[in-house]
PDB file of N, CA and C in Angstrom:
ATOM      1  N   MET A   1      -1.651 -27.293   0.872  1.00  0.00           N
ATOM      2  CA  MET A   1      -1.186 -26.881  -0.430  1.00  0.00           C
ATOM      3  C   MET A   1      -0.779 -25.239  -0.499  1.00  0.00           C
ATOM      4  N   LYS A   2       0.080 -25.099  -1.248  1.00  0.00           N
ATOM      5  CA  LYS A   2       0.732 -23.824  -1.431  1.00  0.00           C
ATOM      6  C   LYS A   2      -0.147 -23.000  -2.373  1.00  0.00           C
ATOM      7  N   SER A   3      -0.494 -21.616  -1.947  1.00  0.00           N
ATOM      8  CA  SER A   3      -1.245 -20.545  -2.991  1.00  0.00           C
ATOM      9  C   SER A   3       0.072 -20.427  -3.890  1.00  0.00           C
ATOM     10  N   LEU A   4      -0.580 -19.961  -5.217  1.00  0.00           N
ATOM     11  CA  LEU A   4       0.417 -19.400  -6.242  1.00  0.00           C
ATOM     12  C   LEU A   4       1.094 -18.381  -5.676  1.00  0.00           C
ATOM     13  N   PHE A   5       0.687 -17.400  -4.997  1.00  0.00           N
ATOM     14  CA  PHE A   5       1.512 -16.494  -4.668  1.00  0.00           C
ATOM     15  C   PHE A   5       2.811 -16.884  -3.724  1.00  0.00           C
ATOM     16  N   GLU A   6       2.710 -18.021  -2.891  1.00  0.00           N
ATOM     17  CA  GLU A   6       3.708 -18.614  -2.259  1.00  0.00           C
ATOM     18  C   GLU A   6       4.535 -19.455  -3.109  1.00  0.00           C
ATOM     19  N   THR A   7       3.863 -20.180  -4.165  1.00  0.00           N
ATOM     20  CA  THR A   7       4.704 -21.107  -5.199  1.00  0.00           C
ATOM     21  C   THR A   7       5.659 -19.904  -5.743  1.00  0.00           C
ATOM     22  N   LEU A   8       5.346 -18.955  -6.105  1.00  0.00           N
ATOM     23  CA  LEU A   8       5.911 -17.889  -7.002  1.00  0.00           C
ATOM     24  C   LEU A   8       6.999 -17.237  -6.099  1.00  0.00           C
ATOM     25  N   GLU A   9       6.722 -17.384  -4.900  1.00  0.00           N
ATOM     26  CA  GLU A   9       7.585 -16.644  -3.758  1.00  0.00           C
ATOM     27  C   GLU A   9       7.579 -15.117  -4.076  1.00  0.00           C
ATOM     28  N   MET A  10       6.235 -14.771  -4.317  1.00  0.00           N
ATOM     29  CA  MET A  10       5.890 -13.229  -4.210  1.00  0.00           C
ATOM     30  C   MET A  10       6.389 -12.510  -3.101  1.00  0.00           C
ATOM     31  N   SER A  11       6.336 -12.805  -1.873  1.00  0.00           N
ATOM     32  CA  SER A  11       6.910 -12.021  -0.856  1.00  0.00           C
ATOM     33  C   SER A  11       8.516 -11.773  -1.180  1.00  0.00           C
ATOM     34  N   ASN A  12       9.292 -12.627  -1.591  1.00  0.00           N
ATOM     35  CA  ASN A  12      10.626 -12.286  -2.281  1.00  0.00           C
ATOM     36  C   ASN A  12      10.862 -11.256  -3.080  1.00  0.00           C
ATOM     37  N   ILE A  13       9.910 -11.309  -4.071  1.00  0.00           N
ATOM     38  CA  ILE A  13       9.968 -10.426  -5.136  1.00  0.00           C
ATOM     39  C   ILE A  13       9.361  -9.095  -4.605  1.00  0.00           C
ATOM     40  N   GLN A  14       8.632  -9.149  -3.667  1.00  0.00           N
ATOM     41  CA  GLN A  14       8.175  -7.843  -3.220  1.00  0.00           C
ATOM     42  C   GLN A  14       9.315  -7.264  -2.612  1.00  0.00           C
ATOM     43  N   ASP A  15       9.741  -7.983  -1.705  1.00  0.00           N
ATOM     44  CA  ASP A  15      10.867  -7.388  -1.003  1.00  0.00           C
ATOM     45  C   ASP A  15      12.120  -7.060  -1.889  1.00  0.00           C
ATOM     46  N   GLU A  16      12.242  -7.437  -3.024  1.00  0.00           N
ATOM     47  CA  GLU A  16      13.316  -7.041  -3.784  1.00  0.00           C
ATOM     48  C   GLU A  16      12.943  -5.670  -4.402  1.00  0.00           C
ATOM     49  N   ILE A  17      11.545  -5.552  -4.876  1.00  0.00           N
ATOM     50  CA  ILE A  17      10.974  -4.371  -5.511  1.00  0.00           C
ATOM     51  C   ILE A  17      11.119  -3.020  -4.500  1.00  0.00           C
ATOM     52  N   LYS A  18      10.814  -3.392  -3.338  1.00  0.00           N
ATOM     53  CA  LYS A  18      10.818  -2.478  -2.288  1.00  0.00           C
ATOM     54  C   LYS A  18      12.170  -1.730  -1.833  1.00  0.00           C
ATOM     55  N   ARG A  19      13.300  -2.364  -2.445  1.00  0.00           N
ATOM     56  CA  ARG A  19      14.470  -1.836  -2.140  1.00  0.00           C
ATOM     57  C   ARG A  19      14.710  -0.808  -3.266  1.00  0.00           C
ATOM     58  N   TYR A  20      13.988  -0.642  -4.373  1.00  0.00           N
ATOM     59  CA  TYR A  20      13.956   0.244  -5.400  1.00  0.00           C
ATOM     60  C   TYR A  20      12.991   1.587  -4.985  1.00  0.00           C
ATOM     61  N   CYS A  21      12.034   1.379  -4.108  1.00  0.00           N
ATOM     62  CA  CYS A  21      11.259   2.388  -3.868  1.00  0.00           C
ATOM     63  C   CYS A  21      11.623   3.772  -3.012  1.00  0.00           C
ATOM     64  N   ALA A  22      11.048   4.791  -3.584  1.00  0.00           N
ATOM     65  CA  ALA A  22      11.719   5.896  -3.205  1.00  0.00           C
ATOM     66  C   ALA A  22      10.995   6.635  -2.032  1.00  0.00           C
ATOM     67  N   SER A  23       9.949   5.746  -1.648  1.00  0.00           N
ATOM     68  CA  SER A  23       9.176   6.288  -0.544  1.00  0.00           C
ATOM     69  C   SER A  23       8.579   5.150   0.395  1.00  0.00           C
ATOM     70  N   THR A  24       7.945   5.385   1.666  1.00  0.00           N
ATOM     71  CA  THR A  24       7.299   4.538   2.110  1.00  0.00           C
ATOM     72  C   THR A  24       6.019   4.131   1.600  1.00  0.00           C
ATOM     73  N   LEU A  25       5.323   5.061   0.901  1.00  0.00           N
ATOM     74  CA  LEU A  25       4.047   5.116   0.162  1.00  0.00           C
ATOM     75  C   LEU A  25       4.208   4.345  -0.876  1.00  0.00           C
ATOM     76  N   GLY A  26       5.424   4.030  -1.487  1.00  0.00           N
ATOM     77  CA  GLY A  26       5.634   3.080  -2.485  1.00  0.00           C
ATOM     78  C   GLY A  26       5.898   1.802  -2.081  1.00  0.00           C
ATOM     79  N   LYS A  27       6.637   1.610  -0.886  1.00  0.00           N
ATOM     80  CA  LYS A  27       6.704   0.124  -0.205  1.00  0.00           C
ATOM     81  C   LYS A  27       5.491  -0.323   0.081  1.00  0.00           C
ATOM     82  N   ASN A  28       4.564   0.497   0.639  1.00  0.00           N
ATOM     83  CA  ASN A  28       3.082   0.048   1.386  1.00  0.00           C
ATOM     84  C   ASN A  28       2.410  -0.357   0.073  1.00  0.00           C
ATOM     85  N   LYS A  29       2.513   0.170  -1.172  1.00  0.00           N
ATOM     86  CA  LYS A  29       1.862  -0.054  -2.196  1.00  0.00           C
ATOM     87  C   LYS A  29       2.356  -1.387  -2.702  1.00  0.00           C
ATOM     88  N   VAL A  30       3.555  -1.577  -2.657  1.00  0.00           N
ATOM     89  CA  VAL A  30       4.222  -3.124  -3.085  1.00  0.00           C
ATOM     90  C   VAL A  30       3.689  -4.148  -2.147  1.00  0.00           C
ATOM     91  N   ASP A  31       3.634  -3.659  -0.903  1.00  0.00           N
ATOM     92  CA  ASP A  31       2.925  -4.824  -0.116  1.00  0.00           C
ATOM     93  C   ASP A  31       1.474  -5.230  -0.209  1.00  0.00           C
ATOM     94  N   SER A  32       0.694  -4.210  -0.997  1.00  0.00           N
ATOM     95  CA  SER A  32      -0.522  -4.506  -1.260  1.00  0.00           C
ATOM     96  C   SER A  32      -0.767  -5.267  -2.796  1.00  0.00           C
ATOM     97  N   PHE A  33       0.158  -5.586  -3.273  1.00  0.00           N
ATOM     98  CA  PHE A  33       0.236  -6.160  -4.722  1.00  0.00           C
ATOM     99  C   PHE A  33      -0.437  -7.625  -4.612  1.00  0.00           C
ATOM    100  N   ALA A  34      -1.221  -7.751  -5.805  1.00  0.00           N
ATOM    101  CA  ALA A  34      -2.299  -8.878  -5.743  1.00  0.00           C
ATOM    102  C   ALA A  34      -2.107  -9.339  -7.097  1.00  0.00           C
ATOM    103  N   MET A  35      -2.431 -10.740  -7.307  1.00  0.00           N
ATOM    104  CA  MET A  35      -2.259 -11.380  -8.376  1.00  0.00           C
ATOM    105  C   MET A  35      -3.517 -10.891  -9.411  1.00  0.00           C
ATOM    106  N   PHE A  36      -3.250 -10.643 -10.907  1.00  0.00           N
ATOM    107  CA  PHE A  36      -4.227 -10.215 -11.866  1.00  0.00           C
ATOM    108  C   PHE A  36      -5.348 -11.314 -12.068  1.00  0.00           C
ATOM    109  N   ASP A  37      -6.535 -10.878 -12.106  1.00  0.00           N
ATOM    110  CA  ASP A  37      -7.665 -11.933 -12.104  1.00  0.00           C
ATOM    111  C   ASP A  37      -7.969 -11.853 -13.768  1.00  0.00           C
ATOM    112  N   ASP A  38      -7.651 -10.631 -14.392  1.00  0.00           N
ATOM    113  CA  ASP A  38      -8.213 -10.245 -15.771  1.00  0.00           C
ATOM    114  C   ASP A  38      -6.854 -10.183 -16.823  1.00  0.00           C
ATOM    115  N   GLU A  39      -6.762 -10.878 -17.713  1.00  0.00           N
ATOM    116  CA  GLU A  39      -5.741 -10.636 -18.725  1.00  0.00           C
ATOM    117  C   GLU A  39      -5.828  -9.305 -19.370  1.00  0.00           C
ATOM    118  N   GLU A  40      -6.741  -8.488 -19.384  1.00  0.00           N
ATOM    119  CA  GLU A  40      -6.615  -7.282 -19.953  1.00  0.00           C
ATOM    120  C   GLU A  40      -6.117  -6.319 -18.873  1.00  0.00           C
ATOM    121  N   ASP A  41      -6.415  -6.333 -17.859  1.00  0.00           N
ATOM    122  CA  ASP A  41      -5.891  -5.489 -16.558  1.00  0.00           C
ATOM    123  C   ASP A  41      -4.390  -5.778 -16.586  1.00  0.00           C
ATOM    124  N   LEU A  42      -3.967  -6.880 -16.667  1.00  0.00           N
ATOM    125  CA  LEU A  42      -2.529  -7.250 -16.615  1.00  0.00           C
ATOM    126  C   LEU A  42      -1.762  -6.579 -17.754  1.00  0.00           C
ATOM    127  N   LYS A  43      -2.779  -6.607 -18.905  1.00  0.00           N
ATOM    128  CA  LYS A  43      -1.978  -5.810 -20.178  1.00  0.00           C
ATOM    129  C   LYS A  43      -1.730  -4.574 -19.992  1.00  0.00           C
ATOM    130  N   GLU A  44      -2.882  -3.859 -19.530  1.00  0.00           N
ATOM    131  CA  GLU A  44      -2.869  -2.316 -19.132  1.00  0.00           C
ATOM    132  C   GLU A  44      -1.665  -1.851 -18.289  1.00  0.00           C
ATOM    133  N   ALA A  45      -1.500  -2.876 -17.181  1.00  0.00           N
ATOM    134  CA  ALA A  45      -0.534  -2.454 -16.153  1.00  0.00           C
ATOM    135  C   ALA A  45       0.812  -2.500 -16.902  1.00  0.00           C
ATOM    136  N   LEU A  46       0.903  -3.607 -17.771  1.00  0.00           N
ATOM    137  CA  LEU A  46       2.346  -3.839 -18.444  1.00  0.00           C
ATOM    138  C   LEU A  46       2.529  -2.468 -19.199  1.00  0.00           C
ATOM    139  N   ASP A  47       1.456  -2.420 -19.978  1.00  0.00           N
ATOM    140  CA  ASP A  47       1.822  -1.239 -21.037  1.00  0.00           C
ATOM    141  C   ASP A  47       2.166   0.135 -20.154  1.00  0.00           C
ATOM    142  N   LYS A  48       1.788   0.262 -18.984  1.00  0.00           N
ATOM    143  CA  LYS A  48       1.925   1.539 -18.303  1.00  0.00           C
ATOM    144  C   LYS A  48       3.435   1.449 -17.667  1.00  0.00           C
ATOM    145  N   VAL A  49       3.945   0.120 -17.491  1.00  0.00           N
ATOM    146  CA  VAL A  49       5.395   0.089 -17.032  1.00  0.00           C
ATOM    147  C   VAL A  49       6.090   0.287 -18.116  1.00  0.00           C
ATOM    148  N   ASN A  50       5.885  -0.493 -19.226  1.00  0.00           N
ATOM    149  CA  ASN A  50       6.692  -0.402 -20.464  1.00  0.00           C
ATOM    150  C   ASN A  50       6.910   1.350 -20.844  1.00  0.00           C
ATOM    151  N   GLU A  51       5.923   1.911 -20.762  1.00  0.00           N
ATOM    152  CA  GLU A  51       5.793   3.538 -21.423  1.00  0.00           C
ATOM    153  C   GLU A  51       6.759   4.304 -20.155  1.00  0.00           C
ATOM    154  N   ALA A  52       6.442   3.809 -18.848  1.00  0.00           N
ATOM    155  CA  ALA A  52       7.392   4.414 -17.914  1.00  0.00           C
ATOM    156  C   ALA A  52       8.676   4.311 -18.148  1.00  0.00           C
ATOM    157  N   MET A  53       8.961   2.921 -18.384  1.00  0.00           N
ATOM    158  CA  MET A  53      10.626   2.507 -18.672  1.00  0.00           C
ATOM    159  C   MET A  53      11.279   3.215 -19.808  1.00  0.00           C
ATOM    160  N   ARG A  54      10.227   3.320 -20.872  1.00  0.00           N
ATOM    161  CA  ARG A  54      10.684   4.012 -22.074  1.00  0.00           C
ATOM    162  C   ARG A  54      11.193   5.694 -21.713  1.00  0.00           C
ATOM    163  N   ILE A  55      10.154   6.206 -21.014  1.00  0.00           N
ATOM    164  CA  ILE A  55      10.573   7.582 -20.734  1.00  0.00           C
ATOM    165  C   ILE A  55      11.721   7.906 -19.996  1.00  0.00           C
ATOM    166  N   ILE A  56      11.867   7.019 -18.754  1.00  0.00           N
ATOM    167  CA  ILE A  56      12.771   7.059 -18.071  1.00  0.00           C
ATOM    168  C   ILE A  56      14.289   6.804 -18.784  1.00  0.00           C
ATOM    169  N   ASN A  57      14.123   5.804 -19.819  1.00  0.00           N
ATOM    170  CA  ASN A  57      15.381   5.713 -20.666  1.00  0.00           C
ATOM    171  C   ASN A  57      15.689   6.686 -21.401  1.00  0.00           C
ATOM    172  N   ILE A  58      14.826   7.546 -22.013  1.00  0.00           N
ATOM    173  CA  ILE A  58      15.037   8.636 -22.631  1.00  0.00           C
ATOM    174  C   ILE A  58      15.388  10.005 -21.891  1.00  0.00           C
ATOM    175  N   GLN A  59      14.636  10.115 -20.769  1.00  0.00           N
ATOM    176  CA  GLN A  59      14.913  11.314 -20.096  1.00  0.00           C
ATOM    177  C   GLN A  59      15.524  11.144 -18.594  1.00  0.00           C
ATOM    178  N   GLY A  60      15.896  10.038 -18.370  1.00  0.00           N
ATOM    179  CA  GLY A  60      16.644   9.811 -17.078  1.00  0.00           C
ATOM    180  C   GLY A  60      15.589   9.526 -15.998  1.00  0.00           C
ATOM    181  N   ARG A  61      16.282   9.410 -14.831  1.00  0.00           N
ATOM    182  CA  ARG A  61      15.178   9.162 -13.735  1.00  0.00           C
ATOM    183  C   ARG A  61      14.231  10.134 -13.233  1.00  0.00           C
ATOM    184  N   LEU A  62      13.208   9.763 -12.675  1.00  0.00           N
ATOM    185  CA  LEU A  62      12.232  10.785 -12.304  1.00  0.00           C
ATOM    186  C   LEU A  62      12.715  11.426 -11.124  1.00  0.00           C
ATOM    187  N   PRO A  63      12.226  12.930 -11.234  1.00  0.00           N
ATOM    188  CA  PRO A  63      12.925  13.820 -10.129  1.00  0.00           C
ATOM    189  C   PRO A  63      12.236  13.650  -8.758  1.00  0.00           C
ATOM    190  N   LEU A  64      12.689  12.640  -8.091  1.00  0.00           N
ATOM    191  CA  LEU A  64      11.791  12.422  -6.803  1.00  0.00           C
ATOM    192  C   LEU A  64      12.378  12.845  -5.506  1.00  0.00           C
ATOM    193  N   GLY A  65      13.366  13.893  -5.771  1.00  0.00           N
ATOM    194  CA  GLY A  65      14.049  14.488  -4.402  1.00  0.00           C
ATOM    195  C   GLY A  65      12.662  15.276  -3.803  1.00  0.00           C
ATOM    196  N   GLY A  66      12.881  14.819  -2.452  1.00  0.00           N
ATOM    197  CA  GLY A  66      11.806  15.710  -1.816  1.00  0.00           C
ATOM    198  C   GLY A  66      10.464  15.030  -1.493  1.00  0.00           C
ATOM    199  N   LEU A  67      10.393  13.785  -2.042  1.00  0.00           N
ATOM    200  CA  LEU A  67       9.281  12.944  -2.013  1.00  0.00           C
ATOM    201  C   LEU A  67       9.198  12.286  -0.335  1.00  0.00           C
ATOM    202  N   TYR A  68       8.158  12.687   0.135  1.00  0.00           N
ATOM    203  CA  TYR A  68       7.882  12.161   1.513  1.00  0.00           C
ATOM    204  C   TYR A  68       6.663  11.534   1.779  1.00  0.00           C
ATOM    205  N   ASP A  69       6.321  10.655   2.751  1.00  0.00           N
ATOM    206  CA  ASP A  69       5.010  10.431   3.019  1.00  0.00           C
ATOM    207  C   ASP A  69       4.496  11.275   3.981  1.00  0.00           C
ATOM    208  N   ILE A  70       3.595  12.157   3.506  1.00  0.00           N
ATOM    209  CA  ILE A  70       2.787  13.196   4.398  1.00  0.00           C
ATOM    210  C   ILE A  70       1.671  12.781   4.990  1.00  0.00           C
ATOM    211  N   SER A  71       1.428  11.531   4.664  1.00  0.00           N
ATOM    212  CA  SER A  71      -0.186  11.030   5.104  1.00  0.00           C
ATOM    213  C   SER A  71      -0.157  11.416   6.778  1.00  0.00           C
ATOM    214  N   MET A  72       0.498  11.263   7.593  1.00  0.00           N
ATOM    215  CA  MET A  72       0.713  11.571   9.056  1.00  0.00           C
ATOM    216  C   MET A  72       0.406  12.935   9.114  1.00  0.00           C
ATOM    217  N   ILE A  73       1.121  13.680   8.597  1.00  0.00           N
ATOM    218  CA  ILE A  73       1.102  15.294   8.777  1.00  0.00           C
ATOM    219  C   ILE A  73      -0.578  15.717   8.260  1.00  0.00           C
ATOM    220  N   LEU A  74      -1.019  15.152   7.252  1.00  0.00           N
ATOM    221  CA  LEU A  74      -2.173  15.603   6.617  1.00  0.00           C
ATOM    222  C   LEU A  74      -3.264  15.296   7.592  1.00  0.00           C
ATOM    223  N   GLU A  75      -2.962  14.054   8.163  1.00  0.00           N
ATOM    224  CA  GLU A  75      -3.951  13.679   9.303  1.00  0.00           C
ATOM    225  C   GLU A  75      -4.223  14.474  10.448  1.00  0.00           C
ATOM    226  N   LYS A  76      -2.787  14.857  10.996  1.00  0.00           N
ATOM    227  CA  LYS A  76      -2.789  15.746  11.991  1.00  0.00           C
ATOM    228  C   LYS A  76      -3.258  17.061  11.926  1.00  0.00           C
ATOM    229  N   ALA A  77      -3.182  17.544  10.342  1.00  0.00           N
ATOM    230  CA  ALA A  77      -3.742  18.863  10.059  1.00  0.00           C
ATOM    231  C   ALA A  77      -5.353  18.649   9.969  1.00  0.00           C
ATOM    232  N   ASN A  78      -5.672  17.829   9.485  1.00  0.00           N
ATOM    233  CA  ASN A  78      -7.195  17.502   9.593  1.00  0.00           C
ATOM    234  C   ASN A  78      -7.808  17.467  11.010  1.00  0.00           C
ATOM    235  N   ARG A  79      -7.004  16.809  11.672  1.00  0.00           N
ATOM    236  CA  ARG A  79      -7.407  16.589  13.323  1.00  0.00           C
ATOM    237  C   ARG A  79      -7.451  17.890  13.998  1.00  0.00           C
ATOM    238  N   ASP A  80      -6.272  18.678  14.328  1.00  0.00           N
ATOM    239  CA  ASP A  80      -6.402  19.730  15.050  1.00  0.00           C
ATOM    240  C   ASP A  80      -5.752  20.960  14.405  1.00  0.00           C
ATOM    241  N   GLY A  81      -5.452  20.743  13.053  1.00  0.00           N
ATOM    242  CA  GLY A  81      -4.915  22.154  12.157  1.00  0.00           C
ATOM    243  C   GLY A  81      -4.032  22.850  12.480  1.00  0.00           C
ATOM    244  N   VAL A  82      -3.202  22.423  13.421  1.00  0.00           N
ATOM    245  CA  VAL A  82      -1.693  22.948  13.812  1.00  0.00           C
ATOM    246  C   VAL A  82      -0.665  22.102  13.353  1.00  0.00           C
ATOM    247  N   LEU A  83       0.192  22.867  12.285  1.00  0.00           N
ATOM    248  CA  LEU A  83       1.466  22.221  11.908  1.00  0.00           C
ATOM    249  C   LEU A  83       2.603  23.154  12.204  1.00  0.00           C
ATOM    250  N   TYR A  84       3.730  22.437  12.631  1.00  0.00           N
ATOM    251  CA  TYR A  84       4.808  23.051  13.023  1.00  0.00           C
ATOM    252  C   TYR A  84       5.798  23.307  11.791  1.00  0.00           C
ATOM    253  N   GLY A  85       6.543  24.209  11.770  1.00  0.00           N
ATOM    254  CA  GLY A  85       7.539  24.510  10.869  1.00  0.00           C
ATOM    255  C   GLY A  85       8.464  23.517   9.948  1.00  0.00           C
ATOM    256  N   ASP A  86       8.617  22.442  10.684  1.00  0.00           N
ATOM    257  CA  ASP A  86       9.528  21.183   9.989  1.00  0.00           C
ATOM    258  C   ASP A  86       8.233  20.468   9.276  1.00  0.00           C
ATOM    259  N   GLU A  87       7.255  20.396   9.900  1.00  0.00           N
ATOM    260  CA  GLU A  87       6.021  19.772   9.021  1.00  0.00           C
ATOM    261  C   GLU A  87       5.516  20.386   7.987  1.00  0.00           C
ATOM    262  N   LEU A  88       5.523  21.971   7.917  1.00  0.00           N
ATOM    263  CA  LEU A  88       5.111  22.532   6.672  1.00  0.00           C
ATOM    264  C   LEU A  88       6.176  22.425   5.494  1.00  0.00           C
ATOM    265  N   LEU A  89       7.389  22.254   6.121  1.00  0.00           N
ATOM    266  CA  LEU A  89       8.509  22.358   5.155  1.00  0.00           C
ATOM    267  C   LEU A  89       8.571  20.860   4.489  1.00  0.00           C
ATOM    268  N   ARG A  90       8.233  19.996   5.220  1.00  0.00           N
ATOM    269  CA  ARG A  90       7.814  18.485   4.541  1.00  0.00           C
ATOM    270  C   ARG A  90       7.041  18.682   3.440  1.00  0.00           C
ATOM    271  N   VAL A  91       5.792  19.054   3.639  1.00  0.00           N
ATOM    272  CA  VAL A  91       4.609  19.360   2.830  1.00  0.00           C
ATOM    273  C   VAL A  91       4.785  20.285   1.737  1.00  0.00           C
ATOM    274  N   ALA A  92       5.654  21.356   1.813  1.00  0.00           N
ATOM    275  CA  ALA A  92       6.088  22.145   0.579  1.00  0.00           C
ATOM    276  C   ALA A  92       7.163  21.263  -0.154  1.00  0.00           C
ATOM    277  N   THR A  93       7.816  20.546   0.452  1.00  0.00           N
ATOM    278  CA  THR A  93       9.118  19.993  -0.360  1.00  0.00           C
ATOM    279  C   THR A  93       8.519  18.847  -1.179  1.00  0.00           C
ATOM    280  N   HIS A  94       7.419  18.288  -0.478  1.00  0.00           N
ATOM    281  CA  HIS A  94       6.760  17.086  -1.165  1.00  0.00           C
ATOM    282  C   HIS A  94       5.948  17.739  -2.410  1.00  0.00           C
ATOM    283  N   TYR A  95       5.369  18.713  -2.111  1.00  0.00           N
ATOM    284  CA  TYR A  95       4.513  19.496  -3.238  1.00  0.00           C
ATOM    285  C   TYR A  95       5.527  19.605  -4.282  1.00  0.00           C
ATOM    286  N   GLN A  96       6.471  20.433  -3.983  1.00  0.00           N
ATOM    287  CA  GLN A  96       7.731  20.756  -5.234  1.00  0.00           C
ATOM    288  C   GLN A  96       7.959  19.395  -5.828  1.00  0.00           C
ATOM    289  N   CYS A  97       7.970  18.339  -5.236  1.00  0.00           N
ATOM    290  CA  CYS A  97       8.454  17.040  -6.013  1.00  0.00           C
ATOM    291  C   CYS A  97       7.208  16.514  -6.973  1.00  0.00           C
ATOM    292  N   ILE A  98       6.176  16.927  -6.455  1.00  0.00           N
ATOM    293  CA  ILE A  98       5.163  16.672  -7.195  1.00  0.00           C
ATOM    294  C   ILE A  98       5.022  17.414  -8.649  1.00  0.00           C
ATOM    295  N   LYS A  99       5.226  18.539  -8.325  1.00  0.00           N
ATOM    296  CA  LYS A  99       5.391  19.623  -9.543  1.00  0.00           C
ATOM    297  C   LYS A  99       6.404  18.999 -10.536  1.00  0.00           C
ATOM    298  N   ASN A 100       7.562  18.661  -9.897  1.00  0.00           N
ATOM    299  CA  ASN A 100       8.831  18.297 -10.787  1.00  0.00           C
ATOM    300  C   ASN A 100       8.421  17.103 -11.709  1.00  0.00           C
ATOM    301  N   VAL A 101       7.868  16.249 -10.904  1.00  0.00           N
ATOM    302  CA  VAL A 101       7.290  15.124 -11.756  1.00  0.00           C
ATOM    303  C   VAL A 101       6.404  15.248 -12.769  1.00  0.00           C
ATOM    304  N   LYS A 102       5.328  16.228 -12.396  1.00  0.00           N
ATOM    305  CA  LYS A 102       4.306  16.725 -13.408  1.00  0.00           C
ATOM    306  C   LYS A 102       5.012  17.523 -14.636  1.00  0.00           C
ATOM    307  N   ASN A 103       5.978  17.992 -14.212  1.00  0.00           N
ATOM    308  CA  ASN A 103       6.879  18.829 -15.390  1.00  0.00           C
ATOM    309  C   ASN A 103       7.420  17.854 -16.356  1.00  0.00           C
ATOM    310  N   TYR A 104       8.027  16.841 -15.731  1.00  0.00           N
ATOM    311  CA  TYR A 104       8.792  15.853 -16.353  1.00  0.00           C
ATOM    312  C   TYR A 104       8.127  15.020 -17.291  1.00  0.00           C
ATOM    313  N   ILE A 105       6.988  14.742 -16.908  1.00  0.00           N
ATOM    314  CA  ILE A 105       5.885  13.867 -17.866  1.00  0.00           C
ATOM    315  C   ILE A 105       5.486  15.069 -19.009  1.00  0.00           C
ATOM    316  N   GLU A 106       4.941  16.228 -18.476  1.00  0.00           N
ATOM    317  CA  GLU A 106       4.457  17.078 -19.187  1.00  0.00           C
ATOM    318  C   GLU A 106       5.511  17.618 -20.454  1.00  0.00           C
ATOM    319  N   ASN A 107       6.668  17.600 -20.156  1.00  0.00           N
ATOM    320  CA  ASN A 107       7.700  18.352 -20.886  1.00  0.00           C
ATOM    321  C   ASN A 107       8.248  17.160 -21.933  1.00  0.00           C
ATOM    322  N   SER A 108       7.814  15.770 -21.701  1.00  0.00           N
ATOM    323  CA  SER A 108       8.202  14.850 -22.433  1.00  0.00           C
ATOM    324  C   SER A 108       7.948  15.136 -23.972  1.00  0.00           C
ATOM    325  N   GLU A 109       8.720  14.681 -24.920  1.00  0.00           N
ATOM    326  CA  GLU A 109       8.406  14.665 -26.317  1.00  0.00           C
ATOM    327  C   GLU A 109       8.066  13.438 -26.552  1.00  0.00           C
ATOM    328  N   MET A 110       8.044  12.582 -25.988  1.00  0.00           N
ATOM    329  CA  MET A 110       7.479  11.190 -26.343  1.00  0.00           C
ATOM    330  C   MET A 110       5.902  11.263 -26.360  1.00  0.00           C
ATOM    331  N   ARG A 111       5.371  10.525 -27.311  1.00  0.00           N
ATOM    332  CA  ARG A 111       3.847  10.398 -27.194  1.00  0.00           C
ATOM    333  C   ARG A 111       3.491   9.343 -26.292  1.00  0.00           C
ATOM    334  N   LEU A 112       2.880   9.752 -25.387  1.00  0.00           N
ATOM    335  CA  LEU A 112       2.309   9.138 -23.920  1.00  0.00           C
ATOM    336  C   LEU A 112       0.875   8.534 -24.331  1.00  0.00           C
ATOM    337  N   THR A 113       0.702   7.358 -24.082  1.00  0.00           N
ATOM    338  CA  THR A 113      -0.738   6.972 -24.354  1.00  0.00           C
ATOM    339  C   THR A 113      -1.166   6.199 -23.039  1.00  0.00           C
ATOM    340  N   HIS A 114      -0.388   5.755 -22.115  1.00  0.00           N
ATOM    341  CA  HIS A 114      -0.735   5.291 -20.698  1.00  0.00           C
ATOM    342  C   HIS A 114      -0.417   5.986 -19.646  1.00  0.00           C
ATOM    343  N   LEU A 115       0.608   6.993 -19.912  1.00  0.00           N
ATOM    344  CA  LEU A 115       0.758   7.914 -18.649  1.00  0.00           C
ATOM    345  C   LEU A 115       0.259   9.280 -19.094  1.00  0.00           C
ATOM    346  N   PRO A 116      -0.601   9.819 -18.361  1.00  0.00           N
ATOM    347  CA  PRO A 116      -1.336  11.288 -18.762  1.00  0.00           C
ATOM    348  C   PRO A 116      -0.416  12.063 -18.551  1.00  0.00           C
ATOM    349  N   LYS A 117      -0.340  12.813 -19.618  1.00  0.00           N
ATOM    350  CA  LYS A 117       0.544  13.924 -19.950  1.00  0.00           C
ATOM    351  C   LYS A 117      -0.071  15.437 -19.274  1.00  0.00           C
ATOM    352  N   SER A 118      -1.368  15.501 -19.030  1.00  0.00           N
ATOM    353  CA  SER A 118      -2.132  16.265 -18.479  1.00  0.00           C
ATOM    354  C   SER A 118      -2.975  15.581 -17.491  1.00  0.00           C
ATOM    355  N   HIS A 119      -2.538  15.657 -16.117  1.00  0.00           N
ATOM    356  CA  HIS A 119      -3.300  15.168 -15.362  1.00  0.00           C
ATOM    357  C   HIS A 119      -3.270  16.216 -14.087  1.00  0.00           C
ATOM    358  N   THR A 120      -4.410  16.164 -13.369  1.00  0.00           N
ATOM    359  CA  THR A 120      -4.490  17.165 -12.180  1.00  0.00           C
ATOM    360  C   THR A 120      -3.919  16.276 -11.051  1.00  0.00           C
ATOM    361  N   ILE A 121      -2.835  16.526 -10.765  1.00  0.00           N
ATOM    362  CA  ILE A 121      -2.123  15.959  -9.594  1.00  0.00           C
ATOM    363  C   ILE A 121      -1.717  17.191  -8.517  1.00  0.00           C
ATOM    364  N   ILE A 122      -2.038  18.353  -9.073  1.00  0.00           N
ATOM    365  CA  ILE A 122      -1.720  19.522  -8.198  1.00  0.00           C
ATOM    366  C   ILE A 122      -2.749  20.385  -7.958  1.00  0.00           C
TER     367      ILE A 122
END
């Protein structure tokens, strides 16, 4: 008997969503999607998505230029502490992307209830 995940062809839906992901981090997150067990958790997630879509419709796309998966670089830094110039540049560019997204949200004139306007991401 097929699982609900298979019946709904969630792997096909995940593949379609991954086409719109800006980073490997996002694609990996999509691969970890699971069904909601709790209706309140589902409602909260949908509220966040709706709010994100509203802010994008009003302000335009998120400024994701320079978004990299720097997890391997950070692991390397934690392991032996030596990073090369290109690795440092990727970290700096990623950091700037995070600042740009933070400013995008903080400078919004929308009343945000689900996306934090003031969140410590830097």
